[in-house]
Amino acid sequence: MASSIGNEKSVNPVLRISQLDALELNKALEQLVWSQFTSCFHGFKPGVLAQFEPEVKAFICLILWKFTIYSKNATVGQAILNIQYKNNLSQTEKYQPLSKHQKLWYLIFTVGGRWLEERCYDLFSNRQQQSFCKIKSCIGFGSGLLKLCGLVNFLIFLRKGTFATLTERILGIRSVFCKPQNIRQIGFEYMNRELLWHGFAEFLIYLLPLINVHKLKLKISSWCLPITGLSNSENTLATHCRECSLCGEWPTMPHTIGCPHVFCYYCIKSNFLFDMYFTCPKCGSEVHNLQPLKHKIEMTELHV
């Protein structure tokens, strides 16, 4: 134990939320260990652990108690939160660890009581004798009384901030900090990053619909593709332009827009209706007038 908590007056009081968090961490650890243990029996016959489940859980809790409370005077959740149990029954002001009797009674109350509650129904369910029925009713009454006392203890804990569980109050063990706590500092770096990212995402959502992606794509393609210098005569147009400059297929109902390139009627019409400032993707010419090609382009020219 550090010398900084040699006197009880110098020990910083443990926050209520820290004690409750430690209890939740202990429950999460037990569930995690139990789930890992049961996963080892997935290949076995279903129901192998069902009849021995209370005993197996008690054995796992016994192992956890051995390496936590018995050896370190703190549970796993308390160790994570820099908390340790203190013997509150000692008359001295200095820190005193838990006695062996307190550790053993802690084991009996937590592990033994839980095992008895889970196994009680199986022990007396098949017993029809009157004595066993009385024992079962007494155990049920005692369990309900303990839960009521636990509720009262929890209300007192919320008022005073000590002894989060009934076991701690009965045994006289108190949660204290192992080391002095530093002043809590609040950092807003993560919040600032989230706000910046969300603001940037909203800006993109607002900006993207305003961008004419189709026109931008055609503009980039006109820069990448070489501009073919063809003559303006219709004979040269009919001879060389045997594919649509938009779809790349044989032009259906070929039309021109005033530049030496040919387009399918449906391709050029749909693009022009979509964008009134449409330009040729190959030479960048604007649509001056949409006219059909006067010279017919025969399909037989495909085989030439």
Foldseek 3Di string as FASTA:
>chain_A
DDPQPFFVVSFDADFLVLVVQLVVVLVVVLVVVVVVVVVVCPVPDPPPCVVVVLVVSLVVVVVQLVPACVPPQHHPSQVVVQKHKFQQPDPDRGTDGDDPVLSVVVSCVPSVLVSCVVCLCVVLVPPPDPVSVVVSVVNVVVVVVLVVVQVVVCVVCVVPVWDNGPSCVVRRMTMTGNDDDDDDDDDCPVVVVVVVVVVVVVVCVVVVVVDPVVQVVLQVLQVVDAADDFDPDLVRLLQPAQAAQPPRHGADQWKDQRDSHIHHPVVVVVVCVVPVQDARSHNRHGRPDIGGRPDDRDPVVVVD
